[in-house]
C-alpha atoms as a PDB file:
ATOM      1  CA  GLU A   1     100.151  62.369 130.014  1.00  0.00           C
ATOM      2  CA  ARG A   2      98.561  61.342 133.305  1.00  0.00           C
ATOM      3  CA  CYS A   3      95.398  59.896 131.710  1.00  0.00           C
ATOM      4  CA  SER A   4      94.670  56.202 132.065  1.00  0.00           C
ATOM      5  CA  PRO A   5      93.717  54.686 128.693  1.00  0.00           C
ATOM      6  CA  TRP A   6      91.187  52.506 130.538  1.00  0.00           C
ATOM      7  CA  HIS A   7      89.218  55.456 131.939  1.00  0.00           C
ATOM      8  CA  PHE A   8      86.288  56.773 129.857  1.00  0.00           C
ATOM      9  CA  ARG A   9      84.185  59.619 131.282  1.00  0.00           C
ATOM     10  CA  PHE A  10      80.630  60.000 129.994  1.00  0.00           C
ATOM     11  CA  ASP A  11      79.628  62.874 132.283  1.00  0.00           C
ATOM     12  CA  ALA A  12      80.787  66.398 131.497  1.00  0.00           C
ATOM     13  CA  HIS A  13      83.670  67.261 133.793  1.00  0.00           C
ATOM     14  CA  ALA A  14      83.518  70.130 136.284  1.00  0.00           C
ATOM     15  CA  ASP A  15      84.932  72.812 133.968  1.00  0.00           C
ATOM     16  CA  MET A  16      82.515  71.849 131.180  1.00  0.00           C
ATOM     17  CA  ARG A  17      79.500  72.093 133.468  1.00  0.00           C
ATOM     18  CA  LEU A  18      80.827  75.329 134.918  1.00  0.00           C
ATOM     19  CA  ALA A  19      81.367  76.844 131.473  1.00  0.00           C
ATOM     20  CA  ALA A  20      77.700  76.195 130.604  1.00  0.00           C
ATOM     21  CA  LEU A  21      76.462  77.756 133.850  1.00  0.00           C
ATOM     22  CA  VAL A  22      78.704  80.803 133.471  1.00  0.00           C
ATOM     23  CA  GLU A  23      77.536  81.278 129.878  1.00  0.00           C
ATOM     24  CA  VAL A  24      73.930  81.583 131.100  1.00  0.00           C
ATOM     25  CA  LEU A  25      75.041  83.794 133.976  1.00  0.00           C
ATOM     26  CA  ARG A  26      77.005  85.987 131.542  1.00  0.00           C
ATOM     27  CA  ALA A  27      73.894  86.607 129.464  1.00  0.00           C
ATOM     28  CA  ASP A  28      71.988  88.032 132.458  1.00  0.00           C
ATOM     29  CA  THR A  29      72.908  91.690 132.030  1.00  0.00           C
ATOM     30  CA  SER A  30      71.045  92.706 135.200  1.00  0.00           C
ATOM     31  CA  LEU A  31      73.370  90.568 137.304  1.00  0.00           C
ATOM     32  CA  LYS A  32      76.033  92.580 139.149  1.00  0.00           C
ATOM     33  CA  LYS A  33      76.834  90.643 142.349  1.00  0.00           C
ATOM     34  CA  VAL A  34      77.563  86.916 142.759  1.00  0.00           C
ATOM     35  CA  TYR A  35      78.335  84.810 145.827  1.00  0.00           C
ATOM     36  CA  LEU A  36      80.419  81.622 145.528  1.00  0.00           C
ATOM     37  CA  ILE A  37      80.027  78.831 148.074  1.00  0.00           C
ATOM     38  CA  GLY A  38      81.101  75.201 148.082  1.00  0.00           C
ATOM     39  CA  GLN A  39      81.858  72.092 150.077  1.00  0.00           C
ATOM     40  CA  ASP A  40      85.386  71.963 151.482  1.00  0.00           C
ATOM     41  CA  TYR A  41      86.886  69.097 149.501  1.00  0.00           C
ATOM     42  CA  SER A  42      88.641  68.837 146.138  1.00  0.00           C
ATOM     43  CA  PHE A  43      85.538  69.225 143.930  1.00  0.00           C
ATOM     44  CA  GLY A  44      83.999  72.086 145.919  1.00  0.00           C
ATOM     45  CA  GLN A  45      87.342  73.872 146.110  1.00  0.00           C
ATOM     46  CA  HIS A  46      87.847  73.536 142.353  1.00  0.00           C
ATOM     47  CA  VAL A  47      84.370  74.832 141.469  1.00  0.00           C
ATOM     48  CA  VAL A  48      84.735  77.945 143.633  1.00  0.00           C
ATOM     49  CA  LYS A  49      88.208  78.698 142.270  1.00  0.00           C
ATOM     50  CA  GLN A  50      87.302  78.133 138.628  1.00  0.00           C
ATOM     51  CA  ALA A  51      83.970  79.958 138.893  1.00  0.00           C
ATOM     52  CA  LYS A  52      85.798  83.066 140.061  1.00  0.00           C
ATOM     53  CA  ALA A  53      88.253  82.844 137.155  1.00  0.00           C
ATOM     54  CA  MET A  54      85.533  82.208 134.535  1.00  0.00           C
ATOM     55  CA  ILE A  55      83.254  84.981 135.760  1.00  0.00           C
ATOM     56  CA  GLU A  56      86.121  87.458 135.844  1.00  0.00           C
ATOM     57  CA  ALA A  57      87.001  86.491 132.270  1.00  0.00           C
ATOM     58  CA  LYS A  58      83.438  86.509 130.879  1.00  0.00           C
ATOM     59  CA  ARG A  59      81.895  89.311 132.944  1.00  0.00           C
ATOM     60  CA  PRO A  60      84.590  91.470 134.597  1.00  0.00           C
ATOM     61  CA  ASP A  61      81.862  93.919 135.622  1.00  0.00           C
ATOM     62  CA  ILE A  62      80.356  91.376 138.034  1.00  0.00           C
ATOM     63  CA  GLU A  63      81.478  91.723 141.645  1.00  0.00           C
ATOM     64  CA  ILE A  64      82.252  88.533 143.581  1.00  0.00           C
ATOM     65  CA  VAL A  65      80.759  89.568 146.935  1.00  0.00           C
ATOM     66  CA  GLY A  66      81.616  86.363 148.774  1.00  0.00           C
ATOM     67  CA  SER A  67      83.674  83.210 148.342  1.00  0.00           C
ATOM     68  CA  GLU A  68      83.720  80.505 150.984  1.00  0.00           C
ATOM     69  CA  LEU A  69      83.918  76.806 151.723  1.00  0.00           C
ATOM     70  CA  HIS A  70      82.063  74.878 154.412  1.00  0.00           C
ATOM     71  CA  PRO A  71      82.498  71.383 155.917  1.00  0.00           C
ATOM     72  CA  LEU A  72      81.164  68.603 153.697  1.00  0.00           C
ATOM     73  CA  GLY A  73      77.868  67.074 154.876  1.00  0.00           C
ATOM     74  CA  ARG A  74      78.156  68.324 158.456  1.00  0.00           C
ATOM     75  CA  ILE A  75      76.170  71.582 158.407  1.00  0.00           C
ATOM     76  CA  LYS A  76      72.632  71.110 159.741  1.00  0.00           C
ATOM     77  CA  ASP A  77      71.714  74.794 159.900  1.00  0.00           C
ATOM     78  CA  PHE A  78      72.608  76.978 156.919  1.00  0.00           C
ATOM     79  CA  LEU A  79      70.888  80.084 158.299  1.00  0.00           C
ATOM     80  CA  PRO A  80      74.208  81.767 159.230  1.00  0.00           C
ATOM     81  CA  TYR A  81      75.463  81.223 155.683  1.00  0.00           C
ATOM     82  CA  ALA A  82      72.167  82.447 154.218  1.00  0.00           C
ATOM     83  CA  ALA A  83      72.282  85.569 156.386  1.00  0.00           C
ATOM     84  CA  LYS A  84      75.812  86.279 155.169  1.00  0.00           C
ATOM     85  CA  ILE A  85      74.743  85.859 151.537  1.00  0.00           C
ATOM     86  CA  GLN A  86      71.745  88.112 152.122  1.00  0.00           C
ATOM     87  CA  ALA A  87      73.908  90.788 153.736  1.00  0.00           C
ATOM     88  CA  SER A  88      76.328  90.705 150.786  1.00  0.00           C
ATOM     89  CA  GLY A  89      73.620  91.867 148.381  1.00  0.00           C
ATOM     90  CA  ALA A  90      74.254  88.905 146.077  1.00  0.00           C
ATOM     91  CA  GLN A  91      71.779  88.535 143.228  1.00  0.00           C
ATOM     92  CA  ALA A  92      73.022  85.032 142.441  1.00  0.00           C
ATOM     93  CA  VAL A  93      74.763  82.154 144.176  1.00  0.00           C
ATOM     94  CA  LEU A  94      76.946  79.708 142.268  1.00  0.00           C
ATOM     95  CA  THR A  95      77.617  76.379 143.970  1.00  0.00           C
ATOM     96  CA  GLY A  96      78.733  72.840 143.293  1.00  0.00           C
ATOM     97  CA  ASN A  97      76.886  71.662 146.429  1.00  0.00           C
ATOM     98  CA  TRP A  98      74.831  68.480 146.280  1.00  0.00           C
ATOM     99  CA  GLY A  99      72.471  66.586 148.598  1.00  0.00           C
ATOM    100  CA  ASN A 100      71.524  68.176 151.918  1.00  0.00           C
ATOM    101  CA  ASP A 101      74.253  70.778 151.514  1.00  0.00           C
ATOM    102  CA  LEU A 102      72.276  72.150 148.575  1.00  0.00           C
ATOM    103  CA  THR A 103      68.690  71.691 149.747  1.00  0.00           C
ATOM    104  CA  LEU A 104      69.318  73.144 153.213  1.00  0.00           C
ATOM    105  CA  LEU A 105      71.172  76.126 151.732  1.00  0.00           C
ATOM    106  CA  VAL A 106      68.323  76.979 149.337  1.00  0.00           C
ATOM    107  CA  LYS A 107      65.685  76.595 152.052  1.00  0.00           C
ATOM    108  CA  ALA A 108      67.691  78.707 154.504  1.00  0.00           C
ATOM    109  CA  MET A 109      67.984  81.416 151.878  1.00  0.00           C
ATOM    110  CA  ARG A 110      64.217  81.522 151.549  1.00  0.00           C
ATOM    111  CA  GLU A 111      63.850  81.622 155.349  1.00  0.00           C
ATOM    112  CA  VAL A 112      65.910  84.812 155.592  1.00  0.00           C
ATOM    113  CA  GLY A 113      63.858  86.337 152.790  1.00  0.00           C
ATOM    114  CA  GLY A 114      66.586  86.140 150.160  1.00  0.00           C
ATOM    115  CA  THR A 115      65.690  85.654 146.500  1.00  0.00           C
ATOM    116  CA  PRO A 116      68.981  85.146 144.642  1.00  0.00           C
ATOM    117  CA  LYS A 117      69.155  82.723 141.764  1.00  0.00           C
ATOM    118  CA  PHE A 118      71.095  79.530 142.455  1.00  0.00           C
ATOM    119  CA  TYR A 119      73.362  78.343 139.661  1.00  0.00           C
ATOM    120  CA  THR A 120      73.953  74.695 140.561  1.00  0.00           C
ATOM    121  CA  PHE A 121      75.554  71.515 139.277  1.00  0.00           C
ATOM    122  CA  TYR A 122      73.043  69.240 140.984  1.00  0.00           C
ATOM    123  CA  GLY A 123      69.746  71.038 141.479  1.00  0.00           C
ATOM    124  CA  ASN A 124      68.167  68.255 139.408  1.00  0.00           C
ATOM    125  CA  ALA A 125      69.852  65.353 141.224  1.00  0.00           C
ATOM    126  CA  LEU A 126      68.225  62.536 143.201  1.00  0.00           C
ATOM    127  CA  GLY A 127      66.284  63.853 146.187  1.00  0.00           C
ATOM    128  CA  VAL A 128      66.983  67.537 145.577  1.00  0.00           C
ATOM    129  CA  PRO A 129      63.917  68.715 143.567  1.00  0.00           C
ATOM    130  CA  ALA A 130      61.457  67.042 145.969  1.00  0.00           C
ATOM    131  CA  ALA A 131      63.298  68.425 149.002  1.00  0.00           C
ATOM    132  CA  ILE A 132      63.574  71.981 147.672  1.00  0.00           C
ATOM    133  CA  GLY A 133      60.013  72.127 146.345  1.00  0.00           C
ATOM    134  CA  GLU A 134      58.465  75.586 146.073  1.00  0.00           C
ATOM    135  CA  ALA A 135      61.662  77.243 147.306  1.00  0.00           C
ATOM    136  CA  GLY A 136      63.294  76.437 143.973  1.00  0.00           C
ATOM    137  CA  VAL A 137      60.680  77.829 141.596  1.00  0.00           C
ATOM    138  CA  ASP A 138      62.203  80.438 139.271  1.00  0.00           C
ATOM    139  CA  SER A 139      65.401  80.459 141.342  1.00  0.00           C
ATOM    140  CA  VAL A 140      67.261  77.126 141.098  1.00  0.00           C
ATOM    141  CA  LEU A 141      69.115  76.399 137.869  1.00  0.00           C
ATOM    142  CA  ALA A 142      70.928  73.158 137.077  1.00  0.00           C
ATOM    143  CA  VAL A 143      73.232  71.980 134.305  1.00  0.00           C
ATOM    144  CA  ALA A 144      73.059  68.522 132.732  1.00  0.00           C
ATOM    145  CA  GLU A 145      73.289  66.748 129.404  1.00  0.00           C
ATOM    146  CA  TRP A 146      69.499  66.411 129.142  1.00  0.00           C
ATOM    147  CA  HIS A 147      66.209  67.102 130.887  1.00  0.00           C
ATOM    148  CA  PRO A 148      62.806  65.415 130.412  1.00  0.00           C
ATOM    149  CA  ASN A 149      61.245  68.715 129.322  1.00  0.00           C
ATOM    150  CA  VAL A 150      63.677  69.429 126.491  1.00  0.00           C
ATOM    151  CA  GLY A 151      61.086  67.946 124.156  1.00  0.00           C
ATOM    152  CA  GLY A 152      61.068  65.838 121.035  1.00  0.00           C
ATOM    153  CA  ALA A 153      59.278  62.577 120.307  1.00  0.00           C
ATOM    154  CA  ALA A 154      62.306  60.354 120.958  1.00  0.00           C
ATOM    155  CA  SER A 155      63.065  62.146 124.225  1.00  0.00           C
ATOM    156  CA  ASP A 156      59.454  61.822 125.352  1.00  0.00           C
ATOM    157  CA  ALA A 157      59.412  58.117 124.462  1.00  0.00           C
ATOM    158  CA  PHE A 158      62.652  57.494 126.373  1.00  0.00           C
ATOM    159  CA  TYR A 159      61.383  59.205 129.519  1.00  0.00           C
ATOM    160  CA  GLY A 160      57.906  57.706 129.190  1.00  0.00           C
ATOM    161  CA  ALA A 161      59.363  54.198 129.055  1.00  0.00           C
ATOM    162  CA  PHE A 162      61.427  54.877 132.168  1.00  0.00           C
ATOM    163  CA  VAL A 163      58.466  56.205 134.161  1.00  0.00           C
ATOM    164  CA  LYS A 164      56.328  53.257 133.083  1.00  0.00           C
ATOM    165  CA  ARG A 165      58.938  50.855 134.413  1.00  0.00           C
ATOM    166  CA  PHE A 166      59.712  52.894 137.548  1.00  0.00           C
ATOM    167  CA  PRO A 167      56.499  54.798 138.459  1.00  0.00           C
ATOM    168  CA  ASP A 168      57.460  55.601 142.080  1.00  0.00           C
ATOM    169  CA  PRO A 169      58.597  59.262 142.290  1.00  0.00           C
ATOM    170  CA  LYS A 170      61.475  58.307 144.603  1.00  0.00           C
ATOM    171  CA  ASP A 171      62.904  56.217 141.743  1.00  0.00           C
ATOM    172  CA  ASP A 172      62.902  59.178 139.330  1.00  0.00           C
ATOM    173  CA  TYR A 173      66.653  58.913 138.852  1.00  0.00           C
ATOM    174  CA  VAL A 174      67.159  59.078 135.119  1.00  0.00           C
ATOM    175  CA  HIS A 175      70.226  60.742 133.632  1.00  0.00           C
ATOM    176  CA  LEU A 176      70.794  60.321 129.919  1.00  0.00           C
ATOM    177  CA  ARG A 177      74.553  59.918 130.347  1.00  0.00           C
ATOM    178  CA  MET A 178      73.952  56.517 131.991  1.00  0.00           C
ATOM    179  CA  ASN A 179      71.982  55.319 128.973  1.00  0.00           C
ATOM    180  CA  VAL A 180      74.520  56.765 126.530  1.00  0.00           C
ATOM    181  CA  MET A 181      77.340  54.961 128.356  1.00  0.00           C
ATOM    182  CA  ILE A 182      75.703  51.557 127.942  1.00  0.00           C
ATOM    183  CA  GLU A 183      74.622  52.198 124.337  1.00  0.00           C
ATOM    184  CA  MET A 184      78.143  53.304 123.351  1.00  0.00           C
ATOM    185  CA  LEU A 185      79.683  50.319 125.126  1.00  0.00           C
ATOM    186  CA  VAL A 186      77.379  47.953 123.211  1.00  0.00           C
ATOM    187  CA  GLN A 187      78.257  49.624 119.915  1.00  0.00           C
ATOM    188  CA  ALA A 188      81.976  49.429 120.714  1.00  0.00           C
ATOM    189  CA  ILE A 189      81.705  45.689 121.452  1.00  0.00           C
ATOM    190  CA  GLU A 190      79.830  45.171 118.180  1.00  0.00           C
ATOM    191  CA  ARG A 191      82.416  47.150 116.173  1.00  0.00           C
ATOM    192  CA  ALA A 192      85.292  45.322 117.857  1.00  0.00           C
ATOM    193  CA  GLY A 193      83.638  41.956 117.308  1.00  0.00           C
ATOM    194  CA  SER A 194      85.140  40.980 120.645  1.00  0.00           C
ATOM    195  CA  VAL A 195      84.713  41.314 124.405  1.00  0.00           C
ATOM    196  CA  GLU A 196      88.459  41.702 124.932  1.00  0.00           C
ATOM    197  CA  ALA A 197      89.080  44.911 126.892  1.00  0.00           C
ATOM    198  CA  GLY A 198      91.765  46.359 124.628  1.00  0.00           C
ATOM    199  CA  ALA A 199      89.687  45.863 121.488  1.00  0.00           C
ATOM    200  CA  ILE A 200      86.648  47.496 123.130  1.00  0.00           C
ATOM    201  CA  ALA A 201      88.729  50.452 124.355  1.00  0.00           C
ATOM    202  CA  ASN A 202      90.122  51.018 120.864  1.00  0.00           C
ATOM    203  CA  ALA A 203      86.623  50.928 119.382  1.00  0.00           C
ATOM    204  CA  LEU A 204      85.280  53.339 122.002  1.00  0.00           C
ATOM    205  CA  SER A 205      88.120  55.863 121.668  1.00  0.00           C
ATOM    206  CA  GLY A 206      87.022  58.564 119.223  1.00  0.00           C
ATOM    207  CA  ALA A 207      83.559  57.018 118.840  1.00  0.00           C
ATOM    208  CA  LYS A 208      80.566  59.199 117.951  1.00  0.00           C
ATOM    209  CA  PHE A 209      77.005  58.857 119.199  1.00  0.00           C
ATOM    210  CA  GLU A 210      73.756  60.566 118.274  1.00  0.00           C
ATOM    211  CA  THR A 211      71.419  60.812 121.272  1.00  0.00           C
ATOM    212  CA  PHE A 212      67.860  60.004 120.187  1.00  0.00           C
ATOM    213  CA  GLY A 213      69.262  59.752 116.661  1.00  0.00           C
ATOM    214  CA  LEU A 214      69.547  63.548 116.436  1.00  0.00           C
ATOM    215  CA  LYS A 215      72.642  65.159 114.898  1.00  0.00           C
ATOM    216  CA  ALA A 216      72.032  68.205 117.119  1.00  0.00           C
ATOM    217  CA  GLN A 217      72.566  65.934 120.120  1.00  0.00           C
ATOM    218  CA  ALA A 218      75.663  64.222 118.725  1.00  0.00           C
ATOM    219  CA  GLY A 219      78.626  63.610 120.991  1.00  0.00           C
ATOM    220  CA  VAL A 220      82.106  62.184 120.636  1.00  0.00           C
ATOM    221  CA  MET A 221      84.421  60.276 122.962  1.00  0.00           C
ATOM    222  CA  ARG A 222      87.510  62.484 122.573  1.00  0.00           C
ATOM    223  CA  ALA A 223      90.456  60.235 121.724  1.00  0.00           C
ATOM    224  CA  GLY A 224      93.049  62.393 123.508  1.00  0.00           C
ATOM    225  CA  ASP A 225      91.710  61.895 127.036  1.00  0.00           C
ATOM    226  CA  HIS A 226      88.564  59.737 126.702  1.00  0.00           C
ATOM    227  CA  GLN A 227      86.295  62.581 127.813  1.00  0.00           C
ATOM    228  CA  TYR A 228      82.857  62.447 126.185  1.00  0.00           C
ATOM    229  CA  GLN A 229      81.972  65.787 124.615  1.00  0.00           C
ATOM    230  CA  GLN A 230      78.267  66.554 124.334  1.00  0.00           C
ATOM    231  CA  PRO A 231      75.744  69.396 124.306  1.00  0.00           C
ATOM    232  CA  LEU A 232      74.695  70.605 127.757  1.00  0.00           C
ATOM    233  CA  VAL A 233      71.409  72.167 128.851  1.00  0.00           C
ATOM    234  CA  VAL A 234      70.802  74.575 131.715  1.00  0.00           C
ATOM    235  CA  SER A 235      67.305  74.285 133.167  1.00  0.00           C
ATOM    236  CA  VAL A 236      65.424  76.266 135.803  1.00  0.00           C
ATOM    237  CA  MET A 237      62.886  74.894 138.294  1.00  0.00           C
ATOM    238  CA  ASP A 238      59.267  75.762 137.533  1.00  0.00           C
ATOM    239  CA  ARG A 239      55.837  74.366 138.280  1.00  0.00           C
ATOM    240  CA  ARG A 240      54.492  71.545 136.167  1.00  0.00           C
ATOM    241  CA  GLY A 241      51.960  72.952 133.723  1.00  0.00           C
ATOM    242  CA  ALA A 242      53.919  76.126 133.088  1.00  0.00           C
ATOM    243  CA  PRO A 243      54.870  76.700 129.429  1.00  0.00           C
ATOM    244  CA  GLY A 244      57.366  74.052 128.377  1.00  0.00           C
ATOM    245  CA  VAL A 245      56.998  72.051 131.615  1.00  0.00           C
ATOM    246  CA  LYS A 246      55.090  68.882 130.770  1.00  0.00           C
ATOM    247  CA  VAL A 247      56.520  66.643 133.472  1.00  0.00           C
ATOM    248  CA  ASP A 248      57.734  67.183 137.005  1.00  0.00           C
ATOM    249  CA  VAL A 249      60.703  65.592 138.773  1.00  0.00           C
ATOM    250  CA  GLU A 250      60.276  63.209 141.722  1.00  0.00           C
ATOM    251  CA  GLY A 251      56.585  64.022 142.024  1.00  0.00           C
ATOM    252  CA  SER A 252      57.490  67.488 143.262  1.00  0.00           C
END
């Protein structure tokens, strides 16, 4: 009842992304201790709170050995946090952190000799893979709607065309949801036969879209709240050339 009919969200919302991460975490039967950490603002607070609830529901045998929030974008030295995580015995860290708050945390963890897996929202986001580098191999996981190494001819062609147009590694900022948003908007305008906002909104509400023309990648703009529902993929950082890793990210 508080939704604006003019708002359409093409990214998976926080609980959707979190559900995908926790599903992968749940399947790791060797995992017994998890540490939750986030930035101290609405999003970070929500992720930490909901992660605790989801883990307790999916894997009640897992012990939450730490749960804390830190100032947003102001921490320059994460070593104290890394030391605390190390001392807790955590085998995994779940975080909604992004930017320097993520890269510095992962690097600090490696500095103290810790090797937990990082379940992240934005380990694949602009600037993060290149900054983390070797510290993220086999340890940093990220959730998104797509990744260049998911495979398939149409996927490869889409990414290849992007790289050809933007060859500089620092411009390697390609998220499929941005493309889907524009494609679905175009289709809605064509169905409406108009550029009037109300007609476009009506055409977009409840609309379906097949990414790369694949039914397995089909999504729908849910009419009830204009939240796009789509498959999500959880990826883990690895070296280019490893099985299934044809391309790198940001020249890293």
